Amino acid sequence: MIGRGVQSDLLCQTKLASRKHAVIEFRRGKFHVLDQSSNGTFIRTDEGENISLRRQELPLWGSGFIGIGEEVALDDVSSVIRFHCG
């Protein structure tokens, strides 16, 4: 669980993070991100693809960044999470 709530496994104190913002699960050999927030979860792959999730699920591939509550801005990494699926 990613969020600003104290029960989160990955605590995110950004202003747009929900208490229970998103979950990352490993199923059938792939990582999946599931948005459970009010403000959405944003994925930016290293290949330049931008994806926004609103109460949706997405399998992760390659590498990139996860934005919590806002689009990924690489000049301010306080609200992004780096991922790499090898």
Protein backbone atom coordinates (compact mmCIF):
# COMPACT_ATOMS: atom_id res chain seq x y z
CA MET A 1 0.00 0.00 0.00
CA ILE A 2 1.23 3.48 -0.94
CA GLY A 3 -0.37 6.45 0.78
CA ARG A 4 -0.23 9.07 3.47
CA GLY A 5 -1.99 6.90 6.06
CA VAL A 6 0.11 5.46 8.88
CA GLN A 7 -0.84 1.92 7.81
CA SER A 8 0.86 2.39 4.42
CA ASP A 9 3.86 0.23 3.54
CA LEU A 10 5.31 3.15 1.57
CA LEU A 11 4.46 6.41 3.29
CA CYS A 12 3.93 9.36 0.92
CA GLN A 13 3.38 12.75 2.57
CA THR A 14 2.58 14.78 -0.54
CA LYS A 15 -0.49 17.03 -0.43
CA LEU A 16 -2.35 15.13 -3.19
CA ALA A 17 -1.79 11.62 -1.80
CA SER A 18 -4.79 9.79 -0.37
CA ARG A 19 -4.51 7.80 2.86
CA LYS A 20 -4.83 4.62 0.79
CA HIS A 21 -3.61 5.88 -2.56
CA ALA A 22 -2.44 2.86 -4.56
CA VAL A 23 -1.42 -0.77 -4.24
CA ILE A 24 1.33 -2.58 -6.09
CA GLU A 25 0.75 -6.32 -6.44
CA PHE A 26 2.76 -9.12 -8.03
CA ARG A 27 0.51 -11.55 -9.92
CA ARG A 28 1.26 -14.12 -12.60
CA GLY A 29 4.81 -12.91 -13.03
CA LYS A 30 3.98 -9.19 -13.40
CA PHE A 31 3.70 -6.16 -11.15
CA HIS A 32 0.37 -4.33 -11.25
CA VAL A 33 -0.43 -0.88 -9.87
CA LEU A 34 -4.02 -0.33 -8.67
CA ASP A 35 -5.18 3.24 -8.09
CA GLN A 36 -7.54 3.66 -5.11
CA SER A 37 -7.28 7.43 -4.76
CA SER A 38 -9.24 10.61 -5.32
CA ASN A 39 -6.51 12.36 -7.33
CA GLY A 40 -5.24 9.50 -9.49
CA THR A 41 -1.95 7.77 -10.09
CA PHE A 42 0.25 8.67 -13.04
CA ILE A 43 2.77 6.45 -14.82
CA ARG A 44 5.60 7.74 -17.01
CA THR A 45 7.74 5.12 -18.68
CA ASP A 46 11.36 5.72 -19.61
CA GLU A 47 10.20 5.43 -23.24
CA GLY A 48 8.09 8.57 -22.73
CA GLU A 49 4.62 7.03 -22.45
CA ASN A 50 2.29 8.81 -20.00
CA ILE A 51 -0.67 6.96 -18.48
CA SER A 52 -3.18 8.23 -15.93
CA LEU A 53 -5.15 5.89 -13.69
CA ARG A 54 -8.39 6.75 -11.91
CA ARG A 55 -9.66 3.75 -9.92
CA GLN A 56 -8.02 1.53 -12.54
CA GLU A 57 -5.30 -1.10 -12.71
CA LEU A 58 -2.25 -1.29 -14.97
CA PRO A 59 0.48 -3.92 -15.38
CA LEU A 60 3.91 -2.30 -15.09
CA TRP A 61 6.66 -3.03 -17.62
CA GLY A 62 10.15 -1.76 -18.25
CA SER A 63 11.05 1.16 -16.03
CA GLY A 64 9.82 4.63 -15.24
CA PHE A 65 8.14 6.70 -12.57
CA ILE A 66 4.87 6.60 -10.63
CA GLY A 67 3.34 9.98 -9.77
CA ILE A 68 1.18 10.12 -6.64
CA GLY A 69 -1.79 12.43 -7.18
CA GLU A 70 -0.17 14.42 -9.97
CA GLU A 71 1.65 13.96 -13.25
CA VAL A 72 5.30 13.02 -13.06
CA ALA A 73 7.54 16.10 -12.98
CA LEU A 74 11.18 15.07 -12.98
CA ASP A 75 12.28 18.48 -11.70
CA ASP A 76 10.44 17.72 -8.41
CA VAL A 77 10.83 14.09 -7.40
CA SER A 78 9.16 14.52 -3.98
CA SER A 79 5.94 12.93 -5.25
CA VAL A 80 7.32 10.26 -7.61
CA ILE A 81 8.42 6.67 -7.18
CA ARG A 82 11.00 5.10 -9.48
CA PHE A 83 10.23 1.57 -10.71
CA HIS A 84 12.11 -1.02 -12.73
CA CYS A 85 10.60 -4.33 -13.81
CA GLY A 86 13.37 -6.61 -14.97
